[in-house]
Amino acid sequence: MGDVAAFIEEMNSAAVDWQLIVYGNAMHGFTHENASEYKIPGVAYHAQADARSSAAMESFFTELFGRQR
């Protein structure tokens, strides 16, 4: 959490438009449906975080580039 606080302070000091999204209970590799096959500690698929992150990414791209037709 110290790194997160430092990041927040740095972004606020730079006066930039930023956001930080944290997906609770999601581990590294949470968008990889076959992550459990690798049996790597701290890596696991998390369907809800996968769906939420996809929606957030789509929203971000729409904000940047507008709705594609």
PDB file of N, CA and C in Angstrom:
ATOM      1  N   MET A   1       0.828  -1.198   0.000  1.00  0.00           N
ATOM      2  CA  MET A   1       0.000   0.000   0.000  1.00  0.00           C
ATOM      3  C   MET A   1       0.868   1.257   0.000  1.00  0.00           C
ATOM      4  N   GLY A   2       2.087   1.116   0.471  1.00  0.00           N
ATOM      5  CA  GLY A   2       2.997   2.254   0.434  1.00  0.00           C
ATOM      6  C   GLY A   2       3.289   2.701  -0.987  1.00  0.00           C
ATOM      7  N   ASP A   3       3.456   1.731  -1.882  1.00  0.00           N
ATOM      8  CA  ASP A   3       3.686   2.062  -3.289  1.00  0.00           C
ATOM      9  C   ASP A   3       2.461   2.739  -3.901  1.00  0.00           C
ATOM     10  N   VAL A   4       1.279   2.276  -3.514  1.00  0.00           N
ATOM     11  CA  VAL A   4       0.043   2.881  -4.015  1.00  0.00           C
ATOM     12  C   VAL A   4      -0.053   4.326  -3.546  1.00  0.00           C
ATOM     13  N   ALA A   5       0.220   4.566  -2.270  1.00  0.00           N
ATOM     14  CA  ALA A   5       0.180   5.928  -1.732  1.00  0.00           C
ATOM     15  C   ALA A   5       1.194   6.823  -2.438  1.00  0.00           C
ATOM     16  N   ALA A   6       2.374   6.283  -2.710  1.00  0.00           N
ATOM     17  CA  ALA A   6       3.399   7.060  -3.411  1.00  0.00           C
ATOM     18  C   ALA A   6       2.952   7.394  -4.832  1.00  0.00           C
ATOM     19  N   PHE A   7       2.314   6.426  -5.492  1.00  0.00           N
ATOM     20  CA  PHE A   7       1.793   6.663  -6.839  1.00  0.00           C
ATOM     21  C   PHE A   7       0.740   7.764  -6.825  1.00  0.00           C
ATOM     22  N   ILE A   8      -0.188   7.676  -5.882  1.00  0.00           N
ATOM     23  CA  ILE A   8      -1.249   8.680  -5.773  1.00  0.00           C
ATOM     24  C   ILE A   8      -0.650  10.060  -5.552  1.00  0.00           C
ATOM     25  N   GLU A   9       0.310  10.152  -4.663  1.00  0.00           N
ATOM     26  CA  GLU A   9       0.958  11.436  -4.394  1.00  0.00           C
ATOM     27  C   GLU A   9       1.658  11.969  -5.640  1.00  0.00           C
ATOM     28  N   GLU A  10       2.350  11.098  -6.346  1.00  0.00           N
ATOM     29  CA  GLU A  10       3.056  11.525  -7.557  1.00  0.00           C
ATOM     30  C   GLU A  10       2.088  12.027  -8.619  1.00  0.00           C
ATOM     31  N   MET A  11       0.986  11.321  -8.817  1.00  0.00           N
ATOM     32  CA  MET A  11       0.005  11.734  -9.822  1.00  0.00           C
ATOM     33  C   MET A  11      -0.658  13.055  -9.429  1.00  0.00           C
ATOM     34  N   ASN A  12      -1.012  13.183  -8.153  1.00  0.00           N
ATOM     35  CA  ASN A  12      -1.625  14.423  -7.685  1.00  0.00           C
ATOM     36  C   ASN A  12      -0.656  15.596  -7.796  1.00  0.00           C
ATOM     37  N   SER A  13       0.608  15.369  -7.478  1.00  0.00           N
ATOM     38  CA  SER A  13       1.618  16.425  -7.586  1.00  0.00           C
ATOM     39  C   SER A  13       1.810  16.867  -9.029  1.00  0.00           C
ATOM     40  N   ALA A  14       1.674  15.934  -9.947  1.00  0.00           N
ATOM     41  CA  ALA A  14       1.822  16.245 -11.368  1.00  0.00           C
ATOM     42  C   ALA A  14       0.562  16.890 -11.945  1.00  0.00           C
ATOM     43  N   ALA A  15      -0.516  16.910 -11.174  1.00  0.00           N
ATOM     44  CA  ALA A  15      -1.789  17.503 -11.594  1.00  0.00           C
ATOM     45  C   ALA A  15      -2.286  16.910 -12.916  1.00  0.00           C
ATOM     46  N   VAL A  16      -2.158  15.582 -13.035  1.00  0.00           N
ATOM     47  CA  VAL A  16      -2.631  14.902 -14.239  1.00  0.00           C
ATOM     48  C   VAL A  16      -3.978  14.233 -13.980  1.00  0.00           C
ATOM     49  N   ASP A  17      -4.682  13.936 -15.052  1.00  0.00           N
ATOM     50  CA  ASP A  17      -5.943  13.215 -14.979  1.00  0.00           C
ATOM     51  C   ASP A  17      -5.607  11.727 -14.903  1.00  0.00           C
ATOM     52  N   TRP A  18      -5.941  11.083 -13.797  1.00  0.00           N
ATOM     53  CA  TRP A  18      -5.557   9.690 -13.620  1.00  0.00           C
ATOM     54  C   TRP A  18      -6.628   8.950 -12.842  1.00  0.00           C
ATOM     55  N   GLN A  19      -6.535   7.634 -12.913  1.00  0.00           N
ATOM     56  CA  GLN A  19      -7.386   6.793 -12.081  1.00  0.00           C
ATOM     57  C   GLN A  19      -6.635   5.507 -11.782  1.00  0.00           C
ATOM     58  N   LEU A  20      -6.988   4.898 -10.692  1.00  0.00           N
ATOM     59  CA  LEU A  20      -6.410   3.628 -10.280  1.00  0.00           C
ATOM     60  C   LEU A  20      -7.574   2.710  -9.950  1.00  0.00           C
ATOM     61  N   ILE A  21      -7.631   1.576 -10.620  1.00  0.00           N
ATOM     62  CA  ILE A  21      -8.709   0.624 -10.391  1.00  0.00           C
ATOM     63  C   ILE A  21      -8.104  -0.624  -9.758  1.00  0.00           C
ATOM     64  N   VAL A  22      -8.641  -1.025  -8.633  1.00  0.00           N
ATOM     65  CA  VAL A  22      -8.179  -2.214  -7.928  1.00  0.00           C
ATOM     66  C   VAL A  22      -9.326  -3.220  -7.904  1.00  0.00           C
ATOM     67  N   TYR A  23      -9.052  -4.431  -8.330  1.00  0.00           N
ATOM     68  CA  TYR A  23     -10.054  -5.490  -8.334  1.00  0.00           C
ATOM     69  C   TYR A  23      -9.808  -6.392  -7.130  1.00  0.00           C
ATOM     70  N   GLY A  24     -10.668  -6.267  -6.134  1.00  0.00           N
ATOM     71  CA  GLY A  24     -10.522  -7.044  -4.905  1.00  0.00           C
ATOM     72  C   GLY A  24     -10.588  -8.542  -5.152  1.00  0.00           C
ATOM     73  N   ASN A  25      -9.752  -9.270  -4.440  1.00  0.00           N
ATOM     74  CA  ASN A  25      -9.676 -10.729  -4.493  1.00  0.00           C
ATOM     75  C   ASN A  25      -9.172 -11.274  -5.824  1.00  0.00           C
ATOM     76  N   ALA A  26      -8.724 -10.403  -6.717  1.00  0.00           N
ATOM     77  CA  ALA A  26      -8.166 -10.858  -7.994  1.00  0.00           C
ATOM     78  C   ALA A  26      -6.650 -10.930  -7.878  1.00  0.00           C
ATOM     79  N   MET A  27      -6.093 -11.968  -8.458  1.00  0.00           N
ATOM     80  CA  MET A  27      -4.647 -12.149  -8.453  1.00  0.00           C
ATOM     81  C   MET A  27      -4.088 -11.765  -9.819  1.00  0.00           C
ATOM     82  N   HIS A  28      -2.769 -11.826  -9.944  1.00  0.00           N
ATOM     83  CA  HIS A  28      -2.112 -11.559 -11.212  1.00  0.00           C
ATOM     84  C   HIS A  28      -2.629 -12.553 -12.251  1.00  0.00           C
ATOM     85  N   GLY A  29      -2.773 -12.101 -13.484  1.00  0.00           N
ATOM     86  CA  GLY A  29      -3.241 -12.990 -14.542  1.00  0.00           C
ATOM     87  C   GLY A  29      -4.731 -13.246 -14.495  1.00  0.00           C
ATOM     88  N   PHE A  30      -5.485 -12.356 -13.857  1.00  0.00           N
ATOM     89  CA  PHE A  30      -6.910 -12.612 -13.636  1.00  0.00           C
ATOM     90  C   PHE A  30      -7.744 -12.650 -14.912  1.00  0.00           C
ATOM     91  N   THR A  31      -7.191 -12.241 -16.061  1.00  0.00           N
ATOM     92  CA  THR A  31      -7.953 -12.299 -17.312  1.00  0.00           C
ATOM     93  C   THR A  31      -7.649 -13.554 -18.126  1.00  0.00           C
ATOM     94  N   HIS A  32      -6.736 -14.364 -17.658  1.00  0.00           N
ATOM     95  CA  HIS A  32      -6.316 -15.563 -18.387  1.00  0.00           C
ATOM     96  C   HIS A  32      -7.109 -16.766 -17.868  1.00  0.00           C
ATOM     97  N   GLU A  33      -8.078 -17.219 -18.668  1.00  0.00           N
ATOM     98  CA  GLU A  33      -8.975 -18.289 -18.230  1.00  0.00           C
ATOM     99  C   GLU A  33      -8.248 -19.587 -17.864  1.00  0.00           C
ATOM    100  N   ASN A  34      -7.089 -19.825 -18.415  1.00  0.00           N
ATOM    101  CA  ASN A  34      -6.349 -21.059 -18.143  1.00  0.00           C
ATOM    102  C   ASN A  34      -5.197 -20.840 -17.171  1.00  0.00           C
ATOM    103  N   ALA A  35      -5.234 -19.765 -16.416  1.00  0.00           N
ATOM    104  CA  ALA A  35      -4.135 -19.419 -15.514  1.00  0.00           C
ATOM    105  C   ALA A  35      -3.831 -20.519 -14.506  1.00  0.00           C
ATOM    106  N   SER A  36      -4.846 -21.229 -14.043  1.00  0.00           N
ATOM    107  CA  SER A  36      -4.621 -22.261 -13.020  1.00  0.00           C
ATOM    108  C   SER A  36      -3.790 -23.431 -13.554  1.00  0.00           C
ATOM    109  N   GLU A  37      -3.746 -23.609 -14.859  1.00  0.00           N
ATOM    110  CA  GLU A  37      -2.963 -24.696 -15.449  1.00  0.00           C
ATOM    111  C   GLU A  37      -1.470 -24.529 -15.180  1.00  0.00           C
ATOM    112  N   TYR A  38      -1.036 -23.289 -14.989  1.00  0.00           N
ATOM    113  CA  TYR A  38       0.390 -23.025 -14.809  1.00  0.00           C
ATOM    114  C   TYR A  38       0.854 -23.262 -13.379  1.00  0.00           C
ATOM    115  N   LYS A  39      -0.092 -23.359 -12.458  1.00  0.00           N
ATOM    116  CA  LYS A  39       0.207 -23.632 -11.049  1.00  0.00           C
ATOM    117  C   LYS A  39       1.296 -22.701 -10.494  1.00  0.00           C
ATOM    118  N   ILE A  40       1.131 -21.416 -10.784  1.00  0.00           N
ATOM    119  CA  ILE A  40       2.048 -20.395 -10.298  1.00  0.00           C
ATOM    120  C   ILE A  40       1.379 -19.678  -9.126  1.00  0.00           C
ATOM    121  N   PRO A  41       2.028 -19.648  -7.979  1.00  0.00           N
ATOM    122  CA  PRO A  41       1.434 -18.946  -6.824  1.00  0.00           C
ATOM    123  C   PRO A  41       1.129 -17.485  -7.162  1.00  0.00           C
ATOM    124  N   GLY A  42      -0.049 -17.033  -6.774  1.00  0.00           N
ATOM    125  CA  GLY A  42      -0.440 -15.652  -7.000  1.00  0.00           C
ATOM    126  C   GLY A  42      -1.023 -15.381  -8.371  1.00  0.00           C
ATOM    127  N   VAL A  43      -1.211 -16.420  -9.173  1.00  0.00           N
ATOM    128  CA  VAL A  43      -1.781 -16.279 -10.515  1.00  0.00           C
ATOM    129  C   VAL A  43      -3.051 -17.105 -10.575  1.00  0.00           C
ATOM    130  N   ALA A  44      -4.171 -16.461 -10.903  1.00  0.00           N
ATOM    131  CA  ALA A  44      -5.439 -17.180 -10.988  1.00  0.00           C
ATOM    132  C   ALA A  44      -6.455 -16.366 -11.778  1.00  0.00           C
ATOM    133  N   TYR A  45      -7.276 -17.063 -12.526  1.00  0.00           N
ATOM    134  CA  TYR A  45      -8.363 -16.410 -13.266  1.00  0.00           C
ATOM    135  C   TYR A  45      -9.434 -15.958 -12.284  1.00  0.00           C
ATOM    136  N   HIS A  46     -10.016 -14.786 -12.562  1.00  0.00           N
ATOM    137  CA  HIS A  46     -11.106 -14.257 -11.738  1.00  0.00           C
ATOM    138  C   HIS A  46     -12.131 -13.651 -12.701  1.00  0.00           C
ATOM    139  N   ALA A  47     -13.215 -14.381 -12.943  1.00  0.00           N
ATOM    140  CA  ALA A  47     -14.196 -14.014 -13.966  1.00  0.00           C
ATOM    141  C   ALA A  47     -14.782 -12.616 -13.755  1.00  0.00           C
ATOM    142  N   GLN A  48     -15.139 -12.288 -12.522  1.00  0.00           N
ATOM    143  CA  GLN A  48     -15.755 -10.986 -12.261  1.00  0.00           C
ATOM    144  C   GLN A  48     -14.771  -9.846 -12.536  1.00  0.00           C
ATOM    145  N   ALA A  49     -13.536  -9.992 -12.097  1.00  0.00           N
ATOM    146  CA  ALA A  49     -12.533  -8.960 -12.363  1.00  0.00           C
ATOM    147  C   ALA A  49     -12.228  -8.879 -13.854  1.00  0.00           C
ATOM    148  N   ASP A  50     -12.230 -10.018 -14.536  1.00  0.00           N
ATOM    149  CA  ASP A  50     -12.015 -10.041 -15.983  1.00  0.00           C
ATOM    150  C   ASP A  50     -13.097  -9.222 -16.685  1.00  0.00           C
ATOM    151  N   ALA A  51     -14.360  -9.474 -16.344  1.00  0.00           N
ATOM    152  CA  ALA A  51     -15.470  -8.750 -16.967  1.00  0.00           C
ATOM    153  C   ALA A  51     -15.414  -7.263 -16.642  1.00  0.00           C
ATOM    154  N   ARG A  52     -15.139  -6.941 -15.388  1.00  0.00           N
ATOM    155  CA  ARG A  52     -15.076  -5.539 -14.984  1.00  0.00           C
ATOM    156  C   ARG A  52     -13.918  -4.806 -15.657  1.00  0.00           C
ATOM    157  N   SER A  53     -12.777  -5.466 -15.765  1.00  0.00           N
ATOM    158  CA  SER A  53     -11.631  -4.807 -16.390  1.00  0.00           C
ATOM    159  C   SER A  53     -11.869  -4.603 -17.882  1.00  0.00           C
ATOM    160  N   SER A  54     -12.542  -5.543 -18.528  1.00  0.00           N
ATOM    161  CA  SER A  54     -12.879  -5.384 -19.948  1.00  0.00           C
ATOM    162  C   SER A  54     -13.814  -4.206 -20.156  1.00  0.00           C
ATOM    163  N   ALA A  55     -14.804  -4.083 -19.289  1.00  0.00           N
ATOM    164  CA  ALA A  55     -15.737  -2.957 -19.379  1.00  0.00           C
ATOM    165  C   ALA A  55     -15.017  -1.625 -19.128  1.00  0.00           C
ATOM    166  N   ALA A  56     -14.099  -1.613 -18.154  1.00  0.00           N
ATOM    167  CA  ALA A  56     -13.352  -0.393 -17.857  1.00  0.00           C
ATOM    168  C   ALA A  56     -12.461  -0.005 -19.033  1.00  0.00           C
ATOM    169  N   MET A  57     -11.831  -0.990 -19.663  1.00  0.00           N
ATOM    170  CA  MET A  57     -10.975  -0.719 -20.812  1.00  0.00           C
ATOM    171  C   MET A  57     -11.800  -0.185 -21.982  1.00  0.00           C
ATOM    172  N   GLU A  58     -12.944  -0.791 -22.225  1.00  0.00           N
ATOM    173  CA  GLU A  58     -13.816  -0.324 -23.303  1.00  0.00           C
ATOM    174  C   GLU A  58     -14.278   1.110 -23.048  1.00  0.00           C
ATOM    175  N   SER A  59     -14.635   1.412 -21.811  1.00  0.00           N
ATOM    176  CA  SER A  59     -15.048   2.769 -21.447  1.00  0.00           C
ATOM    177  C   SER A  59     -13.903   3.763 -21.660  1.00  0.00           C
ATOM    178  N   PHE A  60     -12.696   3.372 -21.269  1.00  0.00           N
ATOM    179  CA  PHE A  60     -11.526   4.222 -21.442  1.00  0.00           C
ATOM    180  C   PHE A  60     -11.268   4.501 -22.923  1.00  0.00           C
ATOM    181  N   PHE A  61     -11.316   3.466 -23.754  1.00  0.00           N
ATOM    182  CA  PHE A  61     -11.093   3.655 -25.183  1.00  0.00           C
ATOM    183  C   PHE A  61     -12.179   4.527 -25.806  1.00  0.00           C
ATOM    184  N   THR A  62     -13.418   4.364 -25.363  1.00  0.00           N
ATOM    185  CA  THR A  62     -14.504   5.210 -25.863  1.00  0.00           C
ATOM    186  C   THR A  62     -14.257   6.663 -25.479  1.00  0.00           C
ATOM    187  N   GLU A  63     -13.788   6.881 -24.252  1.00  0.00           N
ATOM    188  CA  GLU A  63     -13.473   8.238 -23.811  1.00  0.00           C
ATOM    189  C   GLU A  63     -12.373   8.846 -24.684  1.00  0.00           C
ATOM    190  N   LEU A  64     -11.377   8.061 -25.002  1.00  0.00           N
ATOM    191  CA  LEU A  64     -10.250   8.570 -25.795  1.00  0.00           C
ATOM    192  C   LEU A  64     -10.588   8.743 -27.278  1.00  0.00           C
ATOM    193  N   PHE A  65     -11.249   7.752 -27.851  1.00  0.00           N
ATOM    194  CA  PHE A  65     -11.417   7.716 -29.298  1.00  0.00           C
ATOM    195  C   PHE A  65     -12.845   7.865 -29.777  1.00  0.00           C
ATOM    196  N   GLY A  66     -13.802   7.930 -28.861  1.00  0.00           N
ATOM    197  CA  GLY A  66     -15.206   8.005 -29.235  1.00  0.00           C
ATOM    198  C   GLY A  66     -15.746   6.627 -29.601  1.00  0.00           C
ATOM    199  N   ARG A  67     -17.039   6.557 -29.750  1.00  0.00           N
ATOM    200  CA  ARG A  67     -17.688   5.288 -30.078  1.00  0.00           C
ATOM    201  C   ARG A  67     -17.393   4.948 -31.533  1.00  0.00           C
ATOM    202  N   GLN A  68     -16.903   3.733 -31.765  1.00  0.00           N
ATOM    203  CA  GLN A  68     -16.623   3.266 -33.119  1.00  0.00           C
ATOM    204  C   GLN A  68     -17.904   2.757 -33.762  1.00  0.00           C
ATOM    205  N   ARG A  69     -18.080   3.058 -35.005  1.00  0.00           N
ATOM    206  CA  ARG A  69     -19.308   2.622 -35.713  1.00  0.00           C
ATOM    207  C   ARG A  69     -18.985   1.629 -36.784  1.00  0.00           C
TER     208      ARG A  69
END
